[in-house]
């Protein structure tokens, strides 16, 4: 948890030094997150599964994560808690005995 808090503080410090919070409403943070996710996907477009440049992957993934952290912070969401809650829900939707080694969506298991 300390690492997540420290990272979030660094992102916020960077943002605040530039007076960008004024632009960081929920809608625009969600849009930025989606756009950065698309840039991440672009690294794989028209290539084999593992054919990408690791340095570009790190950059785009960092952008995605930073916007996710900012959106969570804006709404006072604890990243650890929301991830653990989602894992719990996924455990219910995807029981091991039905989903192990199977990529079928939960409603078709």
PDB file of N, CA and C in Angstrom:
ATOM      1  N   UNK A   1       0.816  -1.197   0.000  1.00  0.00           N
ATOM      2  CA  UNK A   1       0.000   0.000   0.000  1.00  0.00           C
ATOM      3  C   UNK A   1       0.861   1.264   0.000  1.00  0.00           C
ATOM      4  N   UNK A   2       1.975   1.224   0.713  1.00  0.00           N
ATOM      5  CA  UNK A   2       2.855   2.388   0.751  1.00  0.00           C
ATOM      6  C   UNK A   2       3.348   2.746  -0.644  1.00  0.00           C
ATOM      7  N   UNK A   3       3.660   1.746  -1.462  1.00  0.00           N
ATOM      8  CA  UNK A   3       4.140   2.017  -2.816  1.00  0.00           C
ATOM      9  C   UNK A   3       3.073   2.709  -3.659  1.00  0.00           C
ATOM     10  N   UNK A   4       1.835   2.245  -3.559  1.00  0.00           N
ATOM     11  CA  UNK A   4       0.745   2.857  -4.325  1.00  0.00           C
ATOM     12  C   UNK A   4       0.552   4.307  -3.892  1.00  0.00           C
ATOM     13  N   UNK A   5       0.574   4.551  -2.597  1.00  0.00           N
ATOM     14  CA  UNK A   5       0.423   5.915  -2.083  1.00  0.00           C
ATOM     15  C   UNK A   5       1.574   6.801  -2.543  1.00  0.00           C
ATOM     16  N   UNK A   6       2.783   6.290  -2.489  1.00  0.00           N
ATOM     17  CA  UNK A   6       3.955   7.069  -2.907  1.00  0.00           C
ATOM     18  C   UNK A   6       3.898   7.392  -4.393  1.00  0.00           C
ATOM     19  N   UNK A   7       3.513   6.427  -5.198  1.00  0.00           N
ATOM     20  CA  UNK A   7       3.403   6.651  -6.645  1.00  0.00           C
ATOM     21  C   UNK A   7       2.329   7.691  -6.933  1.00  0.00           C
ATOM     22  N   UNK A   8       1.186   7.548  -6.276  1.00  0.00           N
ATOM     23  CA  UNK A   8       0.099   8.507  -6.477  1.00  0.00           C
ATOM     24  C   UNK A   8       0.542   9.915  -6.103  1.00  0.00           C
ATOM     25  N   UNK A   9       1.265  10.048  -5.007  1.00  0.00           N
ATOM     26  CA  UNK A   9       1.766  11.367  -4.596  1.00  0.00           C
ATOM     27  C   UNK A   9       2.702  11.960  -5.641  1.00  0.00           C
ATOM     28  N   UNK A  10       3.549  11.140  -6.234  1.00  0.00           N
ATOM     29  CA  UNK A  10       4.470  11.626  -7.281  1.00  0.00           C
ATOM     30  C   UNK A  10       3.700  12.095  -8.518  1.00  0.00           C
ATOM     31  N   UNK A  11       2.670  11.344  -8.903  1.00  0.00           N
ATOM     32  CA  UNK A  11       1.846  11.730 -10.058  1.00  0.00           C
ATOM     33  C   UNK A  11       1.151  13.057  -9.769  1.00  0.00           C
ATOM     34  N   UNK A  12       0.588  13.181  -8.578  1.00  0.00           N
ATOM     35  CA  UNK A  12      -0.117  14.407  -8.204  1.00  0.00           C
ATOM     36  C   UNK A  12       0.847  15.589  -8.119  1.00  0.00           C
ATOM     37  N   UNK A  13       2.027  15.361  -7.595  1.00  0.00           N
ATOM     38  CA  UNK A  13       3.045  16.423  -7.537  1.00  0.00           C
ATOM     39  C   UNK A  13       3.369  16.919  -8.945  1.00  0.00           C
ATOM     40  N   UNK A  14       3.593  15.998  -9.871  1.00  0.00           N
ATOM     41  CA  UNK A  14       3.871  16.354 -11.265  1.00  0.00           C
ATOM     42  C   UNK A  14       2.720  17.182 -11.836  1.00  0.00           C
ATOM     43  N   UNK A  15       1.484  16.693 -11.625  1.00  0.00           N
ATOM     44  CA  UNK A  15       0.302  17.393 -12.125  1.00  0.00           C
ATOM     45  C   UNK A  15       0.178  18.779 -11.511  1.00  0.00           C
ATOM     46  N   UNK A  16       0.317  18.865 -10.198  1.00  0.00           N
ATOM     47  CA  UNK A  16       0.104  20.136  -9.508  1.00  0.00           C
ATOM     48  C   UNK A  16       1.170  21.174  -9.836  1.00  0.00           C
ATOM     49  N   UNK A  17       2.394  20.746 -10.055  1.00  0.00           N
ATOM     50  CA  UNK A  17       3.451  21.686 -10.443  1.00  0.00           C
ATOM     51  C   UNK A  17       3.125  22.371 -11.767  1.00  0.00           C
ATOM     52  N   UNK A  18       2.302  21.749 -12.576  1.00  0.00           N
ATOM     53  CA  UNK A  18       1.932  22.288 -13.878  1.00  0.00           C
ATOM     54  C   UNK A  18       0.528  22.895 -13.882  1.00  0.00           C
ATOM     55  N   UNK A  19      -0.136  22.885 -12.725  1.00  0.00           N
ATOM     56  CA  UNK A  19      -1.488  23.406 -12.587  1.00  0.00           C
ATOM     57  C   UNK A  19      -2.452  22.738 -13.578  1.00  0.00           C
ATOM     58  N   UNK A  20      -2.397  21.428 -13.655  1.00  0.00           N
ATOM     59  CA  UNK A  20      -3.240  20.668 -14.580  1.00  0.00           C
ATOM     60  C   UNK A  20      -4.481  20.076 -13.931  1.00  0.00           C
ATOM     61  N   UNK A  21      -4.595  20.167 -12.617  1.00  0.00           N
ATOM     62  CA  UNK A  21      -5.768  19.577 -11.974  1.00  0.00           C
ATOM     63  C   UNK A  21      -7.060  20.154 -12.542  1.00  0.00           C
ATOM     64  N   UNK A  22      -7.014  21.422 -12.937  1.00  0.00           N
ATOM     65  CA  UNK A  22      -8.200  22.076 -13.492  1.00  0.00           C
ATOM     66  C   UNK A  22      -8.743  21.347 -14.724  1.00  0.00           C
ATOM     67  N   UNK A  23      -7.915  20.578 -15.400  1.00  0.00           N
ATOM     68  CA  UNK A  23      -8.331  19.844 -16.591  1.00  0.00           C
ATOM     69  C   UNK A  23      -8.721  18.402 -16.283  1.00  0.00           C
ATOM     70  N   UNK A  24      -8.521  17.983 -15.054  1.00  0.00           N
ATOM     71  CA  UNK A  24      -8.674  16.573 -14.701  1.00  0.00           C
ATOM     72  C   UNK A  24     -10.031  16.271 -14.072  1.00  0.00           C
ATOM     73  N   UNK A  25     -11.086  16.505 -14.835  1.00  0.00           N
ATOM     74  CA  UNK A  25     -12.412  16.080 -14.398  1.00  0.00           C
ATOM     75  C   UNK A  25     -12.574  14.594 -14.732  1.00  0.00           C
ATOM     76  N   UNK A  26     -13.583  13.977 -14.183  1.00  0.00           N
ATOM     77  CA  UNK A  26     -13.766  12.524 -14.358  1.00  0.00           C
ATOM     78  C   UNK A  26     -13.869  12.125 -15.818  1.00  0.00           C
ATOM     79  N   UNK A  27     -14.642  12.871 -16.583  1.00  0.00           N
ATOM     80  CA  UNK A  27     -14.825  12.547 -18.000  1.00  0.00           C
ATOM     81  C   UNK A  27     -13.500  12.585 -18.740  1.00  0.00           C
ATOM     82  N   UNK A  28     -12.753  13.654 -18.570  1.00  0.00           N
ATOM     83  CA  UNK A  28     -11.510  13.793 -19.325  1.00  0.00           C
ATOM     84  C   UNK A  28     -10.439  12.810 -18.867  1.00  0.00           C
ATOM     85  N   UNK A  29     -10.429  12.483 -17.585  1.00  0.00           N
ATOM     86  CA  UNK A  29      -9.496  11.452 -17.122  1.00  0.00           C
ATOM     87  C   UNK A  29      -9.846  10.097 -17.724  1.00  0.00           C
ATOM     88  N   UNK A  30     -11.144   9.787 -17.787  1.00  0.00           N
ATOM     89  CA  UNK A  30     -11.572   8.526 -18.395  1.00  0.00           C
ATOM     90  C   UNK A  30     -11.243   8.501 -19.888  1.00  0.00           C
ATOM     91  N   UNK A  31     -11.450   9.634 -20.564  1.00  0.00           N
ATOM     92  CA  UNK A  31     -11.101   9.715 -21.991  1.00  0.00           C
ATOM     93  C   UNK A  31      -9.600   9.547 -22.192  1.00  0.00           C
ATOM     94  N   UNK A  32      -8.815  10.218 -21.370  1.00  0.00           N
ATOM     95  CA  UNK A  32      -7.360  10.103 -21.482  1.00  0.00           C
ATOM     96  C   UNK A  32      -6.910   8.667 -21.241  1.00  0.00           C
ATOM     97  N   UNK A  33      -7.528   8.015 -20.281  1.00  0.00           N
ATOM     98  CA  UNK A  33      -7.217   6.617 -19.991  1.00  0.00           C
ATOM     99  C   UNK A  33      -7.520   5.741 -21.201  1.00  0.00           C
ATOM    100  N   UNK A  34      -8.643   5.968 -21.827  1.00  0.00           N
ATOM    101  CA  UNK A  34      -9.020   5.200 -23.014  1.00  0.00           C
ATOM    102  C   UNK A  34      -8.075   5.479 -24.185  1.00  0.00           C
ATOM    103  N   UNK A  35      -7.729   6.727 -24.381  1.00  0.00           N
ATOM    104  CA  UNK A  35      -6.829   7.104 -25.475  1.00  0.00           C
ATOM    105  C   UNK A  35      -5.454   6.485 -25.273  1.00  0.00           C
ATOM    106  N   UNK A  36      -4.946   6.558 -24.047  1.00  0.00           N
ATOM    107  CA  UNK A  36      -3.647   5.948 -23.770  1.00  0.00           C
ATOM    108  C   UNK A  36      -3.709   4.428 -23.921  1.00  0.00           C
ATOM    109  N   UNK A  37      -4.839   3.834 -23.557  1.00  0.00           N
ATOM    110  CA  UNK A  37      -5.010   2.391 -23.760  1.00  0.00           C
ATOM    111  C   UNK A  37      -4.969   2.050 -25.245  1.00  0.00           C
ATOM    112  N   UNK A  38      -5.545   2.910 -26.055  1.00  0.00           N
ATOM    113  CA  UNK A  38      -5.496   2.703 -27.505  1.00  0.00           C
ATOM    114  C   UNK A  38      -4.071   2.808 -28.035  1.00  0.00           C
ATOM    115  N   UNK A  39      -3.307   3.730 -27.479  1.00  0.00           N
ATOM    116  CA  UNK A  39      -1.906   3.840 -27.884  1.00  0.00           C
ATOM    117  C   UNK A  39      -1.130   2.589 -27.474  1.00  0.00           C
ATOM    118  N   UNK A  40      -1.483   2.011 -26.348  1.00  0.00           N
ATOM    119  CA  UNK A  40      -0.886   0.747 -25.922  1.00  0.00           C
ATOM    120  C   UNK A  40      -1.238  -0.358 -26.919  1.00  0.00           C
ATOM    121  N   UNK A  41      -2.486  -0.424 -27.312  1.00  0.00           N
ATOM    122  CA  UNK A  41      -2.924  -1.428 -28.284  1.00  0.00           C
ATOM    123  C   UNK A  41      -2.219  -1.262 -29.633  1.00  0.00           C
ATOM    124  N   UNK A  42      -1.973  -0.016 -30.005  1.00  0.00           N
ATOM    125  CA  UNK A  42      -1.333   0.258 -31.291  1.00  0.00           C
ATOM    126  C   UNK A  42       0.040  -0.404 -31.413  1.00  0.00           C
ATOM    127  N   UNK A  43       0.699  -0.603 -30.287  1.00  0.00           N
ATOM    128  CA  UNK A  43       2.011  -1.259 -30.312  1.00  0.00           C
ATOM    129  C   UNK A  43       1.929  -2.667 -30.895  1.00  0.00           C
ATOM    130  N   UNK A  44       0.752  -3.288 -30.811  1.00  0.00           N
ATOM    131  CA  UNK A  44       0.568  -4.670 -31.240  1.00  0.00           C
ATOM    132  C   UNK A  44      -0.119  -4.797 -32.601  1.00  0.00           C
ATOM    133  N   UNK A  45      -0.606  -3.689 -33.122  1.00  0.00           N
ATOM    134  CA  UNK A  45      -1.368  -3.714 -34.371  1.00  0.00           C
ATOM    135  C   UNK A  45      -0.529  -4.229 -35.535  1.00  0.00           C
ATOM    136  N   UNK A  46      -1.060  -5.229 -36.221  1.00  0.00           N
ATOM    137  CA  UNK A  46      -0.465  -5.830 -37.412  1.00  0.00           C
ATOM    138  C   UNK A  46       0.858  -6.529 -37.129  1.00  0.00           C
ATOM    139  N   UNK A  47       1.016  -6.993 -35.902  1.00  0.00           N
ATOM    140  CA  UNK A  47       2.252  -7.684 -35.525  1.00  0.00           C
ATOM    141  C   UNK A  47       1.915  -9.031 -34.910  1.00  0.00           C
ATOM    142  N   UNK A  48       2.928  -9.858 -34.770  1.00  0.00           N
ATOM    143  CA  UNK A  48       2.747 -11.118 -34.057  1.00  0.00           C
ATOM    144  C   UNK A  48       2.518 -10.822 -32.570  1.00  0.00           C
ATOM    145  N   UNK A  49       2.018 -11.792 -31.846  1.00  0.00           N
ATOM    146  CA  UNK A  49       1.614 -11.619 -30.448  1.00  0.00           C
ATOM    147  C   UNK A  49       2.650 -10.946 -29.563  1.00  0.00           C
ATOM    148  N   UNK A  50       3.879 -11.336 -29.654  1.00  0.00           N
ATOM    149  CA  UNK A  50       4.920 -10.808 -28.767  1.00  0.00           C
ATOM    150  C   UNK A  50       5.932  -9.923 -29.504  1.00  0.00           C
ATOM    151  N   UNK A  51       5.520  -9.382 -30.627  1.00  0.00           N
ATOM    152  CA  UNK A  51       6.392  -8.547 -31.443  1.00  0.00           C
ATOM    153  C   UNK A  51       6.136  -7.068 -31.118  1.00  0.00           C
ATOM    154  N   UNK A  52       6.845  -6.552 -30.143  1.00  0.00           N
ATOM    155  CA  UNK A  52       6.706  -5.156 -29.752  1.00  0.00           C
ATOM    156  C   UNK A  52       8.006  -4.693 -29.113  1.00  0.00           C
ATOM    157  N   UNK A  53       8.142  -3.378 -28.971  1.00  0.00           N
ATOM    158  CA  UNK A  53       9.326  -2.810 -28.329  1.00  0.00           C
ATOM    159  C   UNK A  53       9.017  -2.596 -26.849  1.00  0.00           C
ATOM    160  N   UNK A  54       9.801  -3.214 -25.992  1.00  0.00           N
ATOM    161  CA  UNK A  54       9.572  -3.172 -24.550  1.00  0.00           C
ATOM    162  C   UNK A  54       9.594  -1.744 -24.011  1.00  0.00           C
ATOM    163  N   UNK A  55      10.487  -0.899 -24.516  1.00  0.00           N
ATOM    164  CA  UNK A  55      10.547   0.475 -24.015  1.00  0.00           C
ATOM    165  C   UNK A  55       9.261   1.236 -24.316  1.00  0.00           C
ATOM    166  N   UNK A  56       8.660   0.993 -25.474  1.00  0.00           N
ATOM    167  CA  UNK A  56       7.387   1.638 -25.820  1.00  0.00           C
ATOM    168  C   UNK A  56       6.250   1.074 -24.974  1.00  0.00           C
ATOM    169  N   UNK A  57       6.281  -0.232 -24.717  1.00  0.00           N
ATOM    170  CA  UNK A  57       5.282  -0.851 -23.853  1.00  0.00           C
ATOM    171  C   UNK A  57       5.315  -0.211 -22.468  1.00  0.00           C
ATOM    172  N   UNK A  58       6.505  -0.032 -21.919  1.00  0.00           N
ATOM    173  CA  UNK A  58       6.648   0.574 -20.598  1.00  0.00           C
ATOM    174  C   UNK A  58       6.083   1.993 -20.583  1.00  0.00           C
ATOM    175  N   UNK A  59       6.368   2.776 -21.621  1.00  0.00           N
ATOM    176  CA  UNK A  59       5.887   4.158 -21.688  1.00  0.00           C
ATOM    177  C   UNK A  59       4.365   4.222 -21.753  1.00  0.00           C
ATOM    178  N   UNK A  60       3.782   3.439 -22.637  1.00  0.00           N
ATOM    179  CA  UNK A  60       2.330   3.484 -22.809  1.00  0.00           C
ATOM    180  C   UNK A  60       1.609   2.912 -21.601  1.00  0.00           C
ATOM    181  N   UNK A  61       2.131   1.850 -21.030  1.00  0.00           N
ATOM    182  CA  UNK A  61       1.529   1.269 -19.839  1.00  0.00           C
ATOM    183  C   UNK A  61       1.602   2.251 -18.666  1.00  0.00           C
ATOM    184  N   UNK A  62       2.704   2.965 -18.553  1.00  0.00           N
ATOM    185  CA  UNK A  62       2.832   3.985 -17.502  1.00  0.00           C
ATOM    186  C   UNK A  62       1.778   5.072 -17.676  1.00  0.00           C
ATOM    187  N   UNK A  63       1.545   5.506 -18.911  1.00  0.00           N
ATOM    188  CA  UNK A  63       0.511   6.515 -19.162  1.00  0.00           C
ATOM    189  C   UNK A  63      -0.867   6.009 -18.734  1.00  0.00           C
ATOM    190  N   UNK A  64      -1.187   4.771 -19.097  1.00  0.00           N
ATOM    191  CA  UNK A  64      -2.467   4.174 -18.714  1.00  0.00           C
ATOM    192  C   UNK A  64      -2.598   4.141 -17.191  1.00  0.00           C
ATOM    193  N   UNK A  65      -1.575   3.659 -16.536  1.00  0.00           N
ATOM    194  CA  UNK A  65      -1.619   3.539 -15.076  1.00  0.00           C
ATOM    195  C   UNK A  65      -1.714   4.899 -14.394  1.00  0.00           C
ATOM    196  N   UNK A  66      -0.999   5.885 -14.908  1.00  0.00           N
ATOM    197  CA  UNK A  66      -1.051   7.209 -14.284  1.00  0.00           C
ATOM    198  C   UNK A  66      -2.456   7.800 -14.348  1.00  0.00           C
ATOM    199  N   UNK A  67      -3.123   7.689 -15.491  1.00  0.00           N
ATOM    200  CA  UNK A  67      -4.489   8.210 -15.574  1.00  0.00           C
ATOM    201  C   UNK A  67      -5.440   7.406 -14.699  1.00  0.00           C
ATOM    202  N   UNK A  68      -5.233   6.103 -14.591  1.00  0.00           N
ATOM    203  CA  UNK A  68      -6.060   5.284 -13.703  1.00  0.00           C
ATOM    204  C   UNK A  68      -5.865   5.711 -12.247  1.00  0.00           C
ATOM    205  N   UNK A  69      -4.625   5.947 -11.850  1.00  0.00           N
ATOM    206  CA  UNK A  69      -4.344   6.385 -10.482  1.00  0.00           C
ATOM    207  C   UNK A  69      -4.973   7.754 -10.214  1.00  0.00           C
ATOM    208  N   UNK A  70      -4.894   8.665 -11.181  1.00  0.00           N
ATOM    209  CA  UNK A  70      -5.490   9.994 -11.000  1.00  0.00           C
ATOM    210  C   UNK A  70      -7.004   9.911 -10.874  1.00  0.00           C
ATOM    211  N   UNK A  71      -7.630   9.062 -11.670  1.00  0.00           N
ATOM    212  CA  UNK A  71      -9.084   8.912 -11.605  1.00  0.00           C
ATOM    213  C   UNK A  71      -9.500   8.304 -10.268  1.00  0.00           C
ATOM    214  N   UNK A  72      -8.757   7.318  -9.813  1.00  0.00           N
ATOM    215  CA  UNK A  72      -9.045   6.720  -8.503  1.00  0.00           C
ATOM    216  C   UNK A  72      -8.868   7.755  -7.396  1.00  0.00           C
ATOM    217  N   UNK A  73      -7.801   8.525  -7.462  1.00  0.00           N
ATOM    218  CA  UNK A  73      -7.546   9.536  -6.446  1.00  0.00           C
ATOM    219  C   UNK A  73      -8.643  10.600  -6.440  1.00  0.00           C
ATOM    220  N   UNK A  74      -9.098  10.999  -7.596  1.00  0.00           N
ATOM    221  CA  UNK A  74     -10.144  12.023  -7.698  1.00  0.00           C
ATOM    222  C   UNK A  74     -11.387  11.614  -6.925  1.00  0.00           C
ATOM    223  N   UNK A  75     -11.672  10.328  -6.886  1.00  0.00           N
ATOM    224  CA  UNK A  75     -12.886   9.835  -6.231  1.00  0.00           C
ATOM    225  C   UNK A  75     -12.593   9.135  -4.899  1.00  0.00           C
ATOM    226  N   UNK A  76     -11.403   9.401  -4.374  1.00  0.00           N
ATOM    227  CA  UNK A  76     -10.995   8.828  -3.081  1.00  0.00           C
ATOM    228  C   UNK A  76     -11.163   7.310  -3.038  1.00  0.00           C
ATOM    229  N   UNK A  77     -10.820   6.656  -4.134  1.00  0.00           N
ATOM    230  CA  UNK A  77     -10.890   5.198  -4.216  1.00  0.00           C
ATOM    231  C   UNK A  77      -9.538   4.617  -3.843  1.00  0.00           C
ATOM    232  N   UNK A  78      -9.550   3.628  -2.999  1.00  0.00           N
ATOM    233  CA  UNK A  78      -8.338   2.931  -2.610  1.00  0.00           C
ATOM    234  C   UNK A  78      -8.049   1.862  -3.659  1.00  0.00           C
ATOM    235  N   UNK A  79      -6.972   2.034  -4.397  1.00  0.00           N
ATOM    236  CA  UNK A  79      -6.640   1.139  -5.504  1.00  0.00           C
ATOM    237  C   UNK A  79      -6.545  -0.307  -5.039  1.00  0.00           C
ATOM    238  N   UNK A  80      -5.899  -0.516  -3.921  1.00  0.00           N
ATOM    239  CA  UNK A  80      -5.767  -1.878  -3.383  1.00  0.00           C
ATOM    240  C   UNK A  80      -7.139  -2.483  -3.128  1.00  0.00           C
ATOM    241  N   UNK A  81      -8.015  -1.724  -2.485  1.00  0.00           N
ATOM    242  CA  UNK A  81      -9.352  -2.225  -2.150  1.00  0.00           C
ATOM    243  C   UNK A  81     -10.185  -2.530  -3.389  1.00  0.00           C
ATOM    244  N   UNK A  82     -10.166  -1.628  -4.361  1.00  0.00           N
ATOM    245  CA  UNK A  82     -11.014  -1.872  -5.537  1.00  0.00           C
ATOM    246  C   UNK A  82     -10.503  -3.057  -6.358  1.00  0.00           C
ATOM    247  N   UNK A  83      -9.202  -3.252  -6.376  1.00  0.00           N
ATOM    248  CA  UNK A  83      -8.657  -4.417  -7.087  1.00  0.00           C
ATOM    249  C   UNK A  83      -9.009  -5.702  -6.346  1.00  0.00           C
ATOM    250  N   UNK A  84      -8.840  -5.702  -5.039  1.00  0.00           N
ATOM    251  CA  UNK A  84      -9.184  -6.907  -4.270  1.00  0.00           C
ATOM    252  C   UNK A  84     -10.680  -7.221  -4.358  1.00  0.00           C
ATOM    253  N   UNK A  85     -11.524  -6.184  -4.351  1.00  0.00           N
ATOM    254  CA  UNK A  85     -12.964  -6.397  -4.525  1.00  0.00           C
ATOM    255  C   UNK A  85     -13.274  -7.019  -5.883  1.00  0.00           C
ATOM    256  N   UNK A  86     -12.594  -6.536  -6.915  1.00  0.00           N
ATOM    257  CA  UNK A  86     -12.825  -7.067  -8.263  1.00  0.00           C
ATOM    258  C   UNK A  86     -12.345  -8.512  -8.371  1.00  0.00           C
ATOM    259  N   UNK A  87     -11.224  -8.831  -7.757  1.00  0.00           N
ATOM    260  CA  UNK A  87     -10.738 -10.216  -7.760  1.00  0.00           C
ATOM    261  C   UNK A  87     -11.762 -11.121  -7.077  1.00  0.00           C
ATOM    262  N   UNK A  88     -12.348 -10.645  -5.979  1.00  0.00           N
ATOM    263  CA  UNK A  88     -13.365 -11.429  -5.271  1.00  0.00           C
ATOM    264  C   UNK A  88     -14.565 -11.696  -6.182  1.00  0.00           C
ATOM    265  N   UNK A  89     -15.035 -10.663  -6.874  1.00  0.00           N
ATOM    266  CA  UNK A  89     -16.155 -10.829  -7.811  1.00  0.00           C
ATOM    267  C   UNK A  89     -15.789 -11.788  -8.932  1.00  0.00           C
ATOM    268  N   UNK A  90     -14.575 -11.658  -9.463  1.00  0.00           N
ATOM    269  CA  UNK A  90     -14.139 -12.551 -10.538  1.00  0.00           C
ATOM    270  C   UNK A  90     -14.034 -13.991 -10.063  1.00  0.00           C
ATOM    271  N   UNK A  91     -13.622 -14.183  -8.815  1.00  0.00           N
ATOM    272  CA  UNK A  91     -13.574 -15.535  -8.251  1.00  0.00           C
ATOM    273  C   UNK A  91     -14.959 -16.172  -8.241  1.00  0.00           C
ATOM    274  N   UNK A  92     -15.978 -15.362  -7.972  1.00  0.00           N
ATOM    275  CA  UNK A  92     -17.352 -15.872  -7.973  1.00  0.00           C
ATOM    276  C   UNK A  92     -17.837 -16.169  -9.392  1.00  0.00           C
ATOM    277  N   UNK A  93     -17.481 -15.308 -10.330  1.00  0.00           N
ATOM    278  CA  UNK A  93     -17.920 -15.499 -11.720  1.00  0.00           C
ATOM    279  C   UNK A  93     -17.150 -16.601 -12.438  1.00  0.00           C
ATOM    280  N   UNK A  94     -15.907 -16.786 -12.034  1.00  0.00           N
ATOM    281  CA  UNK A  94     -15.029 -17.751 -12.698  1.00  0.00           C
ATOM    282  C   UNK A  94     -14.501 -18.777 -11.694  1.00  0.00           C
ATOM    283  N   UNK A  95     -15.359 -19.696 -11.231  1.00  0.00           N
ATOM    284  CA  UNK A  95     -14.859 -20.717 -10.300  1.00  0.00           C
ATOM    285  C   UNK A  95     -13.801 -21.588 -10.981  1.00  0.00           C
ATOM    286  N   UNK A  96     -12.789 -21.948 -10.230  1.00  0.00           N
ATOM    287  CA  UNK A  96     -11.652 -22.695 -10.773  1.00  0.00           C
ATOM    288  C   UNK A  96     -12.112 -23.968 -11.480  1.00  0.00           C
ATOM    289  N   UNK A  97     -13.052 -24.689 -10.877  1.00  0.00           N
ATOM    290  CA  UNK A  97     -13.465 -25.974 -11.460  1.00  0.00           C
ATOM    291  C   UNK A  97     -14.115 -25.826 -12.835  1.00  0.00           C
ATOM    292  N   UNK A  98     -14.655 -24.643 -13.154  1.00  0.00           N
ATOM    293  CA  UNK A  98     -15.279 -24.433 -14.461  1.00  0.00           C
ATOM    294  C   UNK A  98     -14.397 -23.643 -15.422  1.00  0.00           C
ATOM    295  N   UNK A  99     -13.510 -22.830 -14.896  1.00  0.00           N
ATOM    296  CA  UNK A  99     -12.791 -21.909 -15.769  1.00  0.00           C
ATOM    297  C   UNK A  99     -11.308 -22.210 -15.968  1.00  0.00           C
ATOM    298  N   UNK A 100     -10.750 -23.128 -15.209  1.00  0.00           N
ATOM    299  CA  UNK A 100      -9.315 -23.396 -15.315  1.00  0.00           C
ATOM    300  C   UNK A 100      -8.969 -23.878 -16.726  1.00  0.00           C
ATOM    301  N   UNK A 101      -8.047 -23.151 -17.360  1.00  0.00           N
ATOM    302  CA  UNK A 101      -7.601 -23.503 -18.702  1.00  0.00           C
ATOM    303  C   UNK A 101      -8.634 -23.227 -19.778  1.00  0.00           C
ATOM    304  N   UNK A 102      -9.651 -22.437 -19.447  1.00  0.00           N
ATOM    305  CA  UNK A 102     -10.763 -22.183 -20.350  1.00  0.00           C
ATOM    306  C   UNK A 102     -10.938 -20.673 -20.502  1.00  0.00           C
ATOM    307  N   UNK A 103     -11.023 -20.173 -21.703  1.00  0.00           N
ATOM    308  CA  UNK A 103     -11.168 -18.734 -21.913  1.00  0.00           C
ATOM    309  C   UNK A 103     -12.619 -18.308 -22.138  1.00  0.00           C
ATOM    310  N   UNK A 104     -13.557 -19.200 -21.899  1.00  0.00           N
ATOM    311  CA  UNK A 104     -14.970 -18.897 -22.087  1.00  0.00           C
ATOM    312  C   UNK A 104     -15.430 -17.840 -21.081  1.00  0.00           C
ATOM    313  N   UNK A 105     -16.276 -16.920 -21.544  1.00  0.00           N
ATOM    314  CA  UNK A 105     -16.802 -15.888 -20.671  1.00  0.00           C
ATOM    315  C   UNK A 105     -17.696 -16.514 -19.596  1.00  0.00           C
ATOM    316  N   UNK A 106     -17.736 -15.859 -18.433  1.00  0.00           N
ATOM    317  CA  UNK A 106     -18.414 -16.431 -17.256  1.00  0.00           C
ATOM    318  C   UNK A 106     -19.871 -16.815 -17.520  1.00  0.00           C
ATOM    319  N   UNK A 107     -20.591 -16.046 -18.342  1.00  0.00           N
ATOM    320  CA  UNK A 107     -21.999 -16.349 -18.564  1.00  0.00           C
ATOM    321  C   UNK A 107     -22.218 -17.507 -19.540  1.00  0.00           C
ATOM    322  N   UNK A 108     -21.127 -18.064 -20.039  1.00  0.00           N
ATOM    323  CA  UNK A 108     -21.221 -19.221 -20.944  1.00  0.00           C
ATOM    324  C   UNK A 108     -20.549 -20.455 -20.373  1.00  0.00           C
ATOM    325  N   UNK A 109     -20.069 -20.386 -19.147  1.00  0.00           N
ATOM    326  CA  UNK A 109     -19.401 -21.544 -18.527  1.00  0.00           C
ATOM    327  C   UNK A 109     -20.398 -22.651 -18.221  1.00  0.00           C
TER     328      UNK A 109
END
